[in-house]
Protein backbone atom coordinates (compact mmCIF):
# COMPACT_ATOMS: atom_id res chain seq x y z
CA UNK A 1 21.86 -26.51 75.51
CA UNK A 2 21.56 -29.55 73.21
CA UNK A 3 18.32 -29.63 71.24
CA UNK A 4 16.13 -32.61 70.37
CA UNK A 5 17.44 -35.52 68.34
CA UNK A 6 15.26 -35.38 65.25
CA UNK A 7 14.02 -38.50 63.50
CA UNK A 8 14.64 -38.08 59.77
CA UNK A 9 11.91 -40.62 58.99
CA UNK A 10 9.12 -39.36 61.25
CA UNK A 11 9.94 -35.66 61.45
CA UNK A 12 11.87 -34.55 58.34
CA UNK A 13 10.48 -30.99 58.54
CA UNK A 14 12.07 -30.67 61.96
CA UNK A 15 15.43 -31.41 60.34
CA UNK A 16 14.82 -28.93 57.50
CA UNK A 17 13.80 -26.07 59.79
CA UNK A 18 16.45 -26.70 62.40
CA UNK A 19 19.26 -26.76 59.84
CA UNK A 20 17.82 -23.50 58.50
CA UNK A 21 17.94 -21.98 62.00
CA UNK A 22 21.53 -23.16 62.35
CA UNK A 23 22.50 -21.60 59.01
CA UNK A 24 20.91 -18.26 59.98
CA UNK A 25 22.61 -18.35 63.38
CA UNK A 26 25.97 -18.88 61.66
CA UNK A 27 25.51 -15.70 59.64
CA UNK A 28 23.91 -16.84 56.36
CA UNK A 29 21.77 -14.24 54.63
CA UNK A 30 18.21 -15.66 54.37
CA UNK A 31 17.52 -13.62 51.23
CA UNK A 32 20.29 -15.49 49.35
CA UNK A 33 19.36 -19.05 50.34
CA UNK A 34 17.03 -19.67 47.38
CA UNK A 35 18.47 -22.48 45.27
CA UNK A 36 20.98 -23.41 47.95
CA UNK A 37 21.16 -26.26 50.43
CA UNK A 38 21.81 -25.03 53.96
CA UNK A 39 22.72 -28.53 55.17
CA UNK A 40 19.40 -30.41 55.21
CA UNK A 41 19.80 -32.19 51.86
CA UNK A 42 23.28 -33.42 52.73
CA UNK A 43 21.95 -34.91 55.97
CA UNK A 44 19.21 -36.80 54.13
CA UNK A 45 21.57 -37.89 51.36
CA UNK A 46 24.06 -39.24 53.89
CA UNK A 47 21.28 -40.98 55.83
CA UNK A 48 19.74 -42.59 52.74
CA UNK A 49 23.07 -43.66 51.23
CA UNK A 50 22.81 -46.66 53.56
CA UNK A 51 20.53 -49.19 51.84
CA UNK A 52 19.22 -50.42 55.19
CA UNK A 53 18.11 -46.87 56.02
CA UNK A 54 16.56 -46.34 52.59
CA UNK A 55 14.56 -49.55 52.93
CA UNK A 56 12.91 -48.11 56.05
CA UNK A 57 11.38 -45.28 54.02
CA UNK A 58 7.81 -46.35 53.09
CA UNK A 59 7.14 -46.80 49.38
CA UNK A 60 3.98 -44.94 48.37
CA UNK A 61 1.59 -47.29 46.52
CA UNK A 62 -2.20 -47.70 46.31
CA UNK A 63 -1.90 -50.38 49.00
CA UNK A 64 0.25 -48.37 51.40
CA UNK A 65 -1.21 -44.86 51.09
CA UNK A 66 -3.79 -45.52 53.81
CA UNK A 67 -1.04 -46.31 56.31
CA UNK A 68 1.29 -43.38 55.63
CA UNK A 69 1.37 -40.51 58.12
CA UNK A 70 1.43 -36.92 56.86
CA UNK A 71 4.67 -34.94 57.05
CA UNK A 72 6.81 -38.08 57.17
CA UNK A 73 9.48 -39.30 54.77
CA UNK A 74 8.20 -41.46 51.88
CA UNK A 75 9.38 -42.83 48.53
CA UNK A 76 7.47 -42.76 45.27
CA UNK A 77 8.43 -44.58 42.07
CA UNK A 78 6.76 -43.37 38.92
CA UNK A 79 6.91 -41.90 35.44
CA UNK A 80 6.82 -38.15 34.80
CA UNK A 81 3.54 -37.92 32.88
CA UNK A 82 3.20 -34.14 32.80
CA UNK A 83 5.14 -31.04 33.76
CA UNK A 84 2.79 -28.52 35.34
CA UNK A 85 5.14 -25.57 35.35
CA UNK A 86 6.32 -23.63 38.38
CA UNK A 87 4.65 -22.71 41.65
CA UNK A 88 5.45 -19.56 43.66
CA UNK A 89 5.61 -19.81 47.42
CA UNK A 90 6.90 -17.82 50.39
CA UNK A 91 10.30 -19.45 50.89
CA UNK A 92 11.47 -17.40 53.87
CA UNK A 93 9.77 -14.76 55.97
CA UNK A 94 10.28 -12.86 59.17
CA UNK A 95 8.28 -13.82 62.27
CA UNK A 96 8.96 -10.79 64.40
CA UNK A 97 12.73 -10.71 64.51
CA UNK A 98 13.18 -14.39 63.66
CA UNK A 99 13.56 -15.74 60.13
CA UNK A 100 11.49 -18.80 59.21
CA UNK A 101 11.39 -21.08 56.15
CA UNK A 102 8.55 -22.73 54.25
CA UNK A 103 10.76 -24.87 52.02
CA UNK A 104 9.57 -28.47 51.49
CA UNK A 105 6.15 -27.59 52.89
CA UNK A 106 2.76 -26.44 51.60
CA UNK A 107 1.82 -24.69 54.81
CA UNK A 108 3.48 -22.32 57.22
CA UNK A 109 4.21 -23.26 60.79
CA UNK A 110 3.82 -19.63 61.77
CA UNK A 111 1.45 -16.97 60.36
CA UNK A 112 2.95 -15.24 57.30
CA UNK A 113 2.70 -11.43 57.40
CA UNK A 114 -0.06 -10.37 55.01
CA UNK A 115 0.63 -8.24 51.96
CA UNK A 116 3.90 -7.81 50.15
CA UNK A 117 6.99 -7.28 52.23
CA UNK A 118 10.72 -7.18 51.65
CA UNK A 119 10.94 -9.77 54.40
CA UNK A 120 8.71 -12.21 52.44
CA UNK A 121 11.02 -13.95 50.00
CA UNK A 122 9.09 -15.44 47.06
CA UNK A 123 10.72 -18.59 45.70
CA UNK A 124 9.78 -21.05 42.96
CA UNK A 125 9.50 -24.82 42.75
CA UNK A 126 8.73 -27.08 39.80
CA UNK A 127 5.60 -29.22 39.69
CA UNK A 128 5.62 -32.70 38.18
CA UNK A 129 2.60 -34.94 37.76
CA UNK A 130 3.86 -38.49 38.18
CA UNK A 131 1.98 -41.73 37.61
CA UNK A 132 2.71 -45.41 38.17
CA UNK A 133 4.84 -46.79 35.36
CA UNK A 134 2.58 -47.88 32.47
CA UNK A 135 2.51 -51.64 32.00
CA UNK A 136 4.55 -52.42 35.11
CA UNK A 137 4.78 -56.21 35.44
CA UNK A 138 3.64 -57.72 38.75
CA UNK A 139 7.10 -59.11 39.53
CA UNK A 140 8.60 -55.61 39.27
CA UNK A 141 6.22 -54.08 41.80
CA UNK A 142 7.08 -53.53 45.45
CA UNK A 143 7.11 -56.56 47.70
CA UNK A 144 4.56 -57.18 50.49
CA UNK A 145 7.23 -56.11 53.00
CA UNK A 146 6.32 -52.46 52.45
CA UNK A 147 2.69 -53.05 53.38
CA UNK A 148 3.69 -55.15 56.37
CA UNK A 149 6.20 -52.57 57.60
CA UNK A 150 3.69 -49.73 57.50
CA UNK A 151 0.98 -51.78 59.16
CA UNK A 152 3.43 -52.83 61.85
CA UNK A 153 4.46 -49.23 62.49
CA UNK A 154 0.81 -48.24 62.90
CA UNK A 155 0.09 -50.82 65.57
CA UNK A 156 3.35 -51.00 67.48
CA UNK A 157 4.28 -47.33 67.39
CA UNK A 158 1.50 -44.88 68.20
CA UNK A 159 3.71 -41.85 67.83
CA UNK A 160 2.92 -38.74 69.77
CA UNK A 161 0.79 -36.51 67.55
CA UNK A 162 2.48 -33.19 67.12
CA UNK A 163 0.50 -30.02 66.68
CA UNK A 164 1.79 -27.57 64.12
CA UNK A 165 4.59 -25.69 65.82
CA UNK A 166 5.35 -28.28 68.50
CA UNK A 167 8.14 -30.02 66.58
CA UNK A 168 10.44 -27.03 66.22
CA UNK A 169 13.60 -25.93 67.95
CA UNK A 170 16.36 -23.49 67.20
CA UNK A 171 18.99 -26.12 67.95
CA UNK A 172 19.68 -29.67 66.90
CA UNK A 173 22.21 -32.26 67.94
CA UNK A 174 24.56 -32.81 64.98
CA UNK A 175 27.71 -34.91 64.97
CA UNK A 176 30.00 -35.26 61.94
CA UNK A 177 27.45 -33.58 59.63
CA UNK A 178 24.65 -35.99 60.46
CA UNK A 179 21.67 -35.97 62.75
CA UNK A 180 21.97 -38.27 65.72
CA UNK A 181 19.18 -40.79 65.38
CA UNK A 182 18.33 -41.53 68.95
CA UNK A 183 14.56 -41.32 68.73
CA UNK A 184 12.42 -44.22 69.94
CA UNK A 185 10.85 -44.35 66.46
CA UNK A 186 14.14 -45.16 64.75
CA UNK A 187 15.13 -47.65 67.42
CA UNK A 188 11.79 -49.45 67.22
CA UNK A 189 11.99 -49.58 63.42
CA UNK A 190 15.39 -51.25 63.64
CA UNK A 191 14.46 -53.61 66.45
CA UNK A 192 11.34 -54.65 64.56
CA UNK A 193 13.14 -56.04 61.51
CA UNK A 194 12.63 -59.64 62.56
CA UNK A 195 8.97 -59.10 63.27
CA UNK A 196 8.51 -57.37 59.92
CA UNK A 197 10.15 -60.26 58.11
CA UNK A 198 7.60 -62.67 59.54
CA UNK A 199 4.81 -60.36 58.44
CA UNK A 200 6.27 -60.05 54.96
CA UNK A 201 6.16 -63.84 54.59
CA UNK A 202 2.36 -63.83 54.69
CA UNK A 203 0.26 -64.20 51.57
CA UNK A 204 1.51 -61.98 48.73
CA UNK A 205 -0.30 -58.73 48.08
CA UNK A 206 -2.30 -58.84 51.32
CA UNK A 207 -1.93 -56.24 54.03
CA UNK A 208 -2.00 -57.89 57.46
CA UNK A 209 -5.22 -57.13 59.34
CA UNK A 210 -3.98 -56.12 62.75
CA UNK A 211 -6.36 -54.92 65.43
CA UNK A 212 -6.01 -51.35 66.62
CA UNK A 213 -4.58 -49.97 63.39
CA UNK A 214 -3.97 -46.26 63.02
CA UNK A 215 -6.82 -43.98 62.10
CA UNK A 216 -5.16 -40.55 61.93
CA UNK A 217 -3.33 -41.10 58.66
CA UNK A 218 -3.65 -39.53 55.20
CA UNK A 219 -7.28 -38.46 55.35
CA UNK A 220 -9.24 -38.67 52.13
CA UNK A 221 -6.68 -40.76 50.24
CA UNK A 222 -7.53 -44.38 49.56
CA UNK A 223 -6.46 -47.40 47.57
CA UNK A 224 -7.40 -45.70 44.30
CA UNK A 225 -4.83 -42.93 44.75
CA UNK A 226 -1.98 -43.93 42.44
CA UNK A 227 -0.63 -40.68 41.01
CA UNK A 228 1.38 -38.04 42.84
CA UNK A 229 2.29 -34.36 42.55
CA UNK A 230 6.05 -34.09 43.08
CA UNK A 231 7.43 -30.67 43.98
CA UNK A 232 11.03 -30.23 42.86
CA UNK A 233 13.55 -27.81 44.34
CA UNK A 234 16.91 -26.53 43.11
CA UNK A 235 17.23 -29.00 40.22
CA UNK A 236 18.22 -28.14 36.61
CA UNK A 237 15.41 -28.73 34.13
CA UNK A 238 17.66 -30.98 32.03
CA UNK A 239 17.78 -33.59 34.82
CA UNK A 240 14.04 -34.34 34.66
CA UNK A 241 12.32 -35.10 31.37
CA UNK A 242 8.86 -36.18 30.35
CA UNK A 243 8.36 -39.98 30.49
CA UNK A 244 11.50 -40.58 32.57
CA UNK A 245 11.19 -42.99 35.50
CA UNK A 246 12.36 -41.73 38.88
CA UNK A 247 12.38 -42.64 42.51
CA UNK A 248 11.56 -39.57 44.60
CA UNK A 249 12.24 -39.40 48.33
CA UNK A 250 10.52 -36.57 50.12
CA UNK A 251 7.96 -35.26 52.58
CA UNK A 252 4.30 -36.21 52.11
CA UNK A 253 1.84 -33.40 52.79
CA UNK A 254 -1.52 -33.83 54.51
CA UNK A 255 -4.46 -32.78 52.33
CA UNK A 256 -6.34 -31.42 55.35
CA UNK A 257 -3.49 -29.05 56.15
CA UNK A 258 -3.46 -27.78 52.57
CA UNK A 259 -7.20 -27.09 52.66
CA UNK A 260 -7.02 -25.44 56.09
CA UNK A 261 -4.19 -23.27 54.88
CA UNK A 262 -5.95 -21.98 51.75
CA UNK A 263 -6.07 -18.45 53.19
CA UNK A 264 -2.29 -18.39 53.40
CA UNK A 265 -2.10 -19.45 49.74
CA UNK A 266 -4.22 -16.47 48.68
CA UNK A 267 -1.04 -14.41 48.96
CA UNK A 268 0.41 -16.34 46.04
CA UNK A 269 -2.56 -15.77 43.74
CA UNK A 270 -1.11 -12.38 42.91
CA UNK A 271 1.76 -14.12 41.14
CA UNK A 272 0.08 -16.89 39.10
CA UNK A 273 -2.94 -19.10 38.78
CA UNK A 274 -2.83 -22.23 40.86
CA UNK A 275 -1.48 -24.96 38.50
CA UNK A 276 -2.85 -27.60 40.88
CA UNK A 277 -6.47 -26.50 40.59
CA UNK A 278 -7.42 -29.70 38.76
CA UNK A 279 -5.56 -31.98 41.19
CA UNK A 280 -7.45 -31.89 44.52
CA UNK A 281 -5.17 -32.84 47.42
CA UNK A 282 -7.64 -35.41 48.74
CA UNK A 283 -7.24 -37.29 45.45
CA UNK A 284 -3.62 -36.67 44.47
CA UNK A 285 -1.02 -36.60 47.28
CA UNK A 286 1.80 -34.03 47.32
CA UNK A 287 5.41 -35.02 47.81
CA UNK A 288 8.10 -32.40 48.46
CA UNK A 289 11.18 -33.98 46.92
CA UNK A 290 14.44 -34.00 48.88
CA UNK A 291 16.37 -36.52 46.77
CA UNK A 292 15.63 -38.13 43.41
CA UNK A 293 17.35 -40.62 41.13
CA UNK A 294 16.57 -41.91 37.66
CA UNK A 295 15.77 -45.61 37.58
CA UNK A 296 16.94 -48.24 35.11
CA UNK A 297 15.54 -51.68 34.41
CA UNK A 298 18.04 -53.17 36.86
CA UNK A 299 16.45 -51.16 39.68
CA UNK A 300 13.30 -53.27 39.32
CA UNK A 301 15.06 -56.59 39.91
CA UNK A 302 13.96 -57.52 43.42
CA UNK A 303 16.48 -60.12 44.55
CA UNK A 304 19.18 -60.27 41.87
CA UNK A 305 22.69 -59.16 42.88
CA UNK A 306 24.51 -56.76 40.58
CA UNK A 307 27.41 -58.71 39.08
CA UNK A 308 29.63 -58.31 36.04
CA UNK A 309 28.15 -59.99 32.93
CA UNK A 310 31.18 -62.12 32.08
CA UNK A 311 30.84 -64.17 28.86
CA UNK A 312 31.22 -67.52 30.66
CA UNK A 313 28.31 -66.68 32.99
CA UNK A 314 26.21 -65.10 30.24
CA UNK A 315 26.53 -68.06 27.85
CA UNK A 316 24.77 -70.51 30.18
CA UNK A 317 21.93 -68.10 30.93
CA UNK A 318 21.58 -67.34 27.21
CA UNK A 319 21.23 -71.01 26.33
CA UNK A 320 18.56 -71.66 28.95
CA UNK A 321 16.56 -68.57 27.96
CA UNK A 322 16.79 -69.44 24.26
CA UNK A 323 15.53 -72.95 25.04
CA UNK A 324 12.56 -71.48 26.92
CA UNK A 325 11.70 -69.05 24.12
CA UNK A 326 11.86 -71.89 21.62
CA UNK A 327 9.46 -73.96 23.73
CA UNK A 328 7.07 -71.00 24.04
CA UNK A 329 7.07 -70.72 20.22
CA UNK A 330 6.40 -74.41 19.62
CA UNK A 331 10.05 -75.51 19.34
CA UNK A 332 10.78 -72.95 16.63
CA UNK A 333 14.47 -72.26 17.15
CA UNK A 334 14.73 -69.65 14.38
CA UNK A 335 11.87 -67.58 15.78
CA UNK A 336 13.35 -67.96 19.27
CA UNK A 337 16.69 -66.51 18.11
CA UNK A 338 14.94 -63.50 16.55
CA UNK A 339 12.91 -63.07 19.73
CA UNK A 340 16.07 -63.01 21.83
CA UNK A 341 17.71 -60.38 19.63
CA UNK A 342 14.49 -58.37 19.73
CA UNK A 343 14.42 -58.40 23.56
CA UNK A 344 18.03 -57.16 23.66
CA UNK A 345 17.50 -54.29 21.24
CA UNK A 346 17.42 -50.59 22.11
CA UNK A 347 17.94 -47.28 20.35
CA UNK A 348 21.69 -46.73 20.41
CA UNK A 349 21.81 -43.44 18.56
CA UNK A 350 19.84 -41.17 16.24
CA UNK A 351 21.31 -40.22 12.88
CA UNK A 352 19.13 -37.72 11.05
CA UNK A 353 15.70 -39.38 11.09
CA UNK A 354 17.00 -42.89 11.79
CA UNK A 355 16.84 -44.61 15.17
CA UNK A 356 19.95 -46.80 15.10
CA UNK A 357 19.70 -50.02 17.07
CA UNK A 358 15.94 -50.62 17.05
CA UNK A 359 14.88 -54.12 16.01
CA UNK A 360 11.14 -54.56 15.61
CA UNK A 361 9.83 -58.00 14.65
CA UNK A 362 6.69 -59.10 12.80
CA UNK A 363 5.83 -62.75 13.49
CA UNK A 364 3.57 -63.92 10.68
CA UNK A 365 1.51 -67.10 10.11
CA UNK A 366 -0.34 -66.29 13.34
CA UNK A 367 -3.84 -67.48 12.58
CA UNK A 368 -6.50 -67.01 15.23
CA UNK A 369 -6.04 -70.61 16.33
CA UNK A 370 -2.26 -70.34 16.57
CA UNK A 371 -2.56 -66.98 18.33
CA UNK A 372 -4.86 -68.48 20.95
CA UNK A 373 -2.07 -70.87 21.92
CA UNK A 374 1.32 -69.38 21.13
CA UNK A 375 0.23 -65.74 21.30
CA UNK A 376 -0.89 -66.14 24.90
CA UNK A 377 2.23 -68.11 25.81
CA UNK A 378 4.47 -65.48 24.24
CA UNK A 379 2.64 -62.61 25.92
CA UNK A 380 2.97 -64.30 29.32
CA UNK A 381 6.66 -65.03 28.77
CA UNK A 382 7.38 -61.39 27.90
CA UNK A 383 5.48 -60.16 30.98
CA UNK A 384 7.67 -62.41 33.09
CA UNK A 385 10.89 -61.21 31.45
CA UNK A 386 10.65 -57.43 31.06
CA UNK A 387 9.40 -54.89 33.62
CA UNK A 388 7.17 -52.71 31.38
CA UNK A 389 4.86 -54.41 28.88
CA UNK A 390 1.72 -53.47 27.01
CA UNK A 391 -0.47 -55.16 24.39
CA UNK A 392 -2.64 -53.47 21.76
CA UNK A 393 -5.45 -55.58 20.25
CA UNK A 394 -5.40 -53.99 16.81
CA UNK A 395 -8.88 -53.91 15.28
CA UNK A 396 -10.68 -51.36 13.14
CA UNK A 397 -12.86 -50.43 16.11
CA UNK A 398 -9.80 -49.97 18.32
CA UNK A 399 -8.05 -47.75 15.79
CA UNK A 400 -11.20 -45.65 15.31
CA UNK A 401 -11.77 -45.03 19.02
CA UNK A 402 -8.47 -45.34 20.95
CA UNK A 403 -6.53 -42.34 22.31
CA UNK A 404 -2.99 -43.29 21.37
CA UNK A 405 -1.29 -39.88 21.43
CA UNK A 406 -1.13 -37.66 24.52
CA UNK A 407 -3.21 -34.49 24.07
CA UNK A 408 -2.95 -31.11 25.75
CA UNK A 409 -6.18 -30.07 27.49
CA UNK A 410 -6.01 -26.30 27.70
CA UNK A 411 -9.20 -26.05 29.74
CA UNK A 412 -7.61 -28.10 32.51
CA UNK A 413 -4.09 -26.99 31.60
CA UNK A 414 -2.71 -30.50 31.64
CA UNK A 415 -1.40 -33.17 29.30
CA UNK A 416 -3.88 -36.03 29.03
CA UNK A 417 -2.03 -39.27 28.53
CA UNK A 418 -2.36 -41.67 25.60
CA UNK A 419 -1.61 -45.36 25.12
CA UNK A 420 1.72 -44.56 23.44
CA UNK A 421 3.03 -42.42 26.30
CA UNK A 422 5.39 -45.10 27.51
CA UNK A 423 8.59 -45.19 29.53
CA UNK A 424 11.91 -45.85 27.86
CA UNK A 425 12.57 -49.57 27.55
CA UNK A 426 8.89 -50.56 27.38
CA UNK A 427 7.82 -53.55 25.31
CA UNK A 428 4.74 -53.29 23.09
CA UNK A 429 2.91 -56.18 21.43
CA UNK A 430 0.56 -55.27 18.58
CA UNK A 431 -1.86 -58.15 18.00
CA UNK A 432 -3.30 -57.99 14.47
CA UNK A 433 -4.80 -61.47 14.51
CA UNK A 434 -8.29 -60.06 15.16
CA UNK A 435 -8.03 -57.40 12.43
CA UNK A 436 -10.76 -57.64 9.81
CA UNK A 437 -11.77 -55.53 6.83
CA UNK A 438 -13.35 -52.20 7.67
CA UNK A 439 -13.22 -48.45 7.19
CA UNK A 440 -11.01 -46.17 9.23
CA UNK A 441 -12.38 -42.80 10.25
CA UNK A 442 -10.15 -39.75 10.73
CA UNK A 443 -9.14 -40.93 14.22
CA UNK A 444 -8.30 -44.38 12.89
CA UNK A 445 -6.14 -42.95 10.09
CA UNK A 446 -4.27 -40.77 12.58
CA UNK A 447 -3.77 -43.69 14.99
CA UNK A 448 -2.45 -45.91 12.20
CA UNK A 449 0.00 -43.14 11.27
CA UNK A 450 1.09 -42.79 14.89
CA UNK A 451 1.86 -46.52 15.15
CA UNK A 452 3.73 -46.49 11.85
CA UNK A 453 5.82 -43.52 12.96
CA UNK A 454 6.61 -45.24 16.25
CA UNK A 455 7.67 -48.39 14.40
CA UNK A 456 9.84 -46.64 11.81
CA UNK A 457 11.21 -43.61 13.65
CA UNK A 458 10.75 -44.43 17.35
CA UNK A 459 8.88 -41.14 17.76
CA UNK A 460 5.38 -40.22 18.92
CA UNK A 461 3.53 -37.04 17.92
CA UNK A 462 2.07 -35.32 20.99
CA UNK A 463 -1.04 -33.31 20.16
CA UNK A 464 -0.91 -29.74 21.48
CA UNK A 465 -4.05 -28.80 19.47
CA UNK A 466 -2.39 -25.93 17.60
CA UNK A 467 0.71 -27.94 16.71
CA UNK A 468 2.26 -31.41 16.99
CA UNK A 469 5.45 -32.09 18.91
CA UNK A 470 7.58 -35.14 18.10
CA UNK A 471 8.81 -36.92 21.21
CA UNK A 472 11.62 -39.45 20.88
CA UNK A 473 11.05 -42.79 22.56
CA UNK A 474 12.60 -46.25 22.84
CA UNK A 475 9.98 -49.00 22.68
CA UNK A 476 10.48 -52.60 21.57
CA UNK A 477 7.68 -53.46 19.12
CA UNK A 478 6.50 -56.98 18.32
CA UNK A 479 3.70 -57.52 15.78
CA UNK A 480 1.67 -60.72 15.60
CA UNK A 481 -0.24 -61.15 12.34
CA UNK A 482 -1.43 -63.79 9.90
CA UNK A 483 0.28 -62.17 6.92
CA UNK A 484 2.75 -59.33 6.61
CA UNK A 485 1.38 -56.29 8.44
CA UNK A 486 0.25 -53.55 6.07
CA UNK A 487 0.02 -51.02 8.90
CA UNK A 488 3.28 -51.58 10.76
CA UNK A 489 6.42 -52.08 8.63
CA UNK A 490 8.66 -54.00 11.05
CA UNK A 491 12.42 -54.24 10.66
CA UNK A 492 12.21 -57.98 10.15
CA UNK A 493 9.42 -60.38 9.13
CA UNK A 494 9.64 -63.90 10.55
CA UNK A 495 7.10 -66.60 9.59
CA UNK A 496 6.77 -68.92 12.60
CA UNK A 497 6.95 -72.70 12.18
CA UNK A 498 5.71 -74.31 15.42
CA UNK A 499 6.12 -78.08 15.53
CA UNK A 500 4.53 -78.82 18.91
CA UNK A 501 2.25 -77.32 21.55
CA UNK A 502 2.54 -77.10 25.32
CA UNK A 503 6.31 -77.56 25.16
CA UNK A 504 7.23 -75.09 27.88
CA UNK A 505 8.11 -76.40 31.33
CA UNK A 506 7.70 -74.85 34.75
CA UNK A 507 10.33 -72.21 35.49
CA UNK A 508 11.70 -71.58 38.97
CA UNK A 509 11.76 -68.11 40.52
CA UNK A 510 15.57 -68.16 40.53
CA UNK A 511 15.66 -68.90 36.80
CA UNK A 512 13.27 -66.05 36.00
CA UNK A 513 15.46 -63.70 38.03
CA UNK A 514 18.58 -64.86 36.18
CA UNK A 515 16.91 -64.26 32.80
CA UNK A 516 15.70 -60.80 33.84
CA UNK A 517 19.18 -59.91 35.04
CA UNK A 518 20.64 -61.16 31.75
CA UNK A 519 18.28 -59.11 29.56
CA UNK A 520 18.56 -55.98 31.69
CA UNK A 521 22.35 -56.10 32.00
CA UNK A 522 23.42 -57.27 28.55
CA UNK A 523 21.10 -54.77 26.88
CA UNK A 524 23.04 -51.90 28.52
CA UNK A 525 26.51 -53.08 27.47
CA UNK A 526 28.52 -50.79 25.19
CA UNK A 527 29.49 -52.13 21.78
CA UNK A 528 32.09 -51.36 19.15
CA UNK A 529 33.50 -52.89 15.97
CA UNK A 530 37.23 -53.28 15.44
CA UNK A 531 38.76 -52.06 12.19
CA UNK A 532 39.58 -55.53 10.91
CA UNK A 533 36.00 -56.64 11.44
CA UNK A 534 34.70 -53.50 9.73
CA UNK A 535 36.58 -54.36 6.54
CA UNK A 536 35.28 -57.91 6.56
CA UNK A 537 31.68 -56.74 7.03
CA UNK A 538 32.06 -54.20 4.21
CA UNK A 539 33.39 -56.92 1.92
CA UNK A 540 30.45 -59.20 2.76
CA UNK A 541 27.97 -56.39 2.05
CA UNK A 542 29.57 -55.67 -1.33
CA UNK A 543 29.39 -59.36 -2.26
CA UNK A 544 25.76 -59.52 -1.14
CA UNK A 545 24.63 -56.57 -3.29
CA UNK A 546 26.43 -57.99 -6.33
CA UNK A 547 24.52 -61.23 -5.85
CA UNK A 548 21.17 -59.55 -5.20
CA UNK A 549 20.51 -56.07 -6.60
CA UNK A 550 17.21 -55.82 -4.68
CA UNK A 551 19.01 -55.36 -1.37
CA UNK A 552 18.66 -51.92 0.20
CA UNK A 553 20.37 -49.76 2.81
CA UNK A 554 17.69 -50.92 5.28
CA UNK A 555 18.79 -54.54 4.73
CA UNK A 556 22.41 -53.70 5.45
CA UNK A 557 21.44 -51.75 8.54
CA UNK A 558 19.40 -54.71 9.78
CA UNK A 559 22.30 -57.12 9.25
CA UNK A 560 24.65 -54.88 11.20
CA UNK A 561 22.11 -54.59 14.01
CA UNK A 562 21.69 -58.37 14.08
CA UNK A 563 25.45 -58.87 14.24
CA UNK A 564 25.78 -56.41 17.10
CA UNK A 565 22.88 -57.95 19.03
CA UNK A 566 24.23 -61.46 18.42
CA UNK A 567 27.58 -60.55 19.99
CA UNK A 568 25.85 -58.75 22.87
CA UNK A 569 23.74 -61.84 23.53
CA UNK A 570 26.98 -63.62 24.43
CA UNK A 571 28.10 -60.77 26.67
CA UNK A 572 30.72 -59.59 24.15
CA UNK A 573 31.21 -55.86 23.57
CA UNK A 574 32.78 -56.18 20.12
CA UNK A 575 31.64 -58.20 17.12
CA UNK A 576 33.65 -61.30 16.25
CA UNK A 577 33.70 -63.19 12.96
CA UNK A 578 31.80 -66.05 14.61
CA UNK A 579 28.96 -63.80 15.70
CA UNK A 580 28.78 -62.13 12.29
CA UNK A 581 28.55 -65.54 10.60
CA UNK A 582 25.81 -66.58 13.04
CA UNK A 583 23.81 -63.45 12.24
CA UNK A 584 24.17 -64.06 8.47
CA UNK A 585 23.05 -67.67 8.87
CA UNK A 586 20.02 -66.61 10.87
CA UNK A 587 19.13 -64.14 8.12
CA UNK A 588 19.55 -66.86 5.49
CA UNK A 589 17.16 -69.17 7.35
CA UNK A 590 14.62 -66.37 7.63
CA UNK A 591 14.78 -65.56 3.92
CA UNK A 592 14.31 -69.24 3.11
CA UNK A 593 11.03 -69.14 5.02
CA UNK A 594 9.87 -66.09 3.08
CA UNK A 595 10.21 -67.99 -0.19
């Protein structure tokens, strides 16, 4: 007898449990299935490998949480802010003579036998506390289509509400290792693409107000719910690190079911304290992860095709972006060139205590008046160019009161975030133009030290009360100040020389997308230096130190970084003599300004 055709979107637990039943029926030992996929993950991976199928999975955001149904497939994009340890759960158990599974679920479909039993297999899963990416620019957020899709599903598809236990079967229709998607839900989702497109074209950020919307959705969660507990199965610890950005696809759990099932969870209290005690399910949703992937900057480009960054294509985009940066900085071409190299920089390697490849910039001559014009323009331009940005208004009061470093709260057993807990590739502006004379307290001194360490070493000290732990990071730092910053020793100091105001012109959406693609793609290119070029660079460095004995290793390192970034800015993966000469000339112009 052929079983039901399960909908992977609307009833993923049906797929998980039916593939488990199939595995048991084929002779698999249920006591050895911990850490193994019995076929469910491969089905979801195959299904979601099609981009059109993946786009049908709702993206969990503050705007969409109120529309999402419990126990359905969802996506969540976020940064791993804390690792809460492991959670024990009854992975498999015997219901009479039949084996059942609890994997990818917080509750049991069937009553679990009380007390310890050889037939109750205790498994573990990892708990991650994930938050929206700090400083995410508006253009990098999800489009209104997600909100429209969910709202449309609520009104046009009042799915039959399943009671716990009604969605199960010991058989499932499988063809060529995939579930046959014949459910009305899937068909309606596909047939509704045109209607969704018209909804998505409505005013940005607004969720269409459609009469008769669903009411039996994620109870208790509202538009303020932005974080998520992600439960990870069968994944090596090395694949998931603190502050990494991931997209998780999994099953969203209803908070009411978790609360109603608290008696079942008492069985687990014998093994460990509940690590989720401080994360009530009606405030922080739970997602049981089926598939995850680490995201790069290119994953946040909404409409830009992935193409090869050939030098001929890159050169034109580079010129237009450089022209825009120059206009933003009052037609200061020198400052614009340094800004471009800064936006392309990243930590390439770590040698001892050095972060090779970083290129922090300190723009000086930023009086309060100049900052009110060019500082705002520059801040806006950066927000439009890079996906993760943040600005620190550096004042004595800010330094004395801000929580910059993450701190471990042992009472709540969680890591409380700080301003400097940022995702890799974030951009940070430190605005010193409002800084006045004052006295730093102990907090202020520590915060100043944290910023200095971030600038010099690309590391942040996390405070675990009894000890400090250095965490490596990769953050682009730009300092705006009137004179040379005494707190943040940047790699390069550039006095700005604006010659005009309001020079920037309107930029089309297509142009912004091209610039974002350029920065995101070129920044990731590999780079090397051929042997002939190495000898020429060494000769130039020897000549330079003979002419100026004040030059240091830091100066040489900066020149090499500038040469590498200059060649990358043209889409070249090896330094040429022309690019090296351009970098040296740019450095000469900068040093002229310092005189």
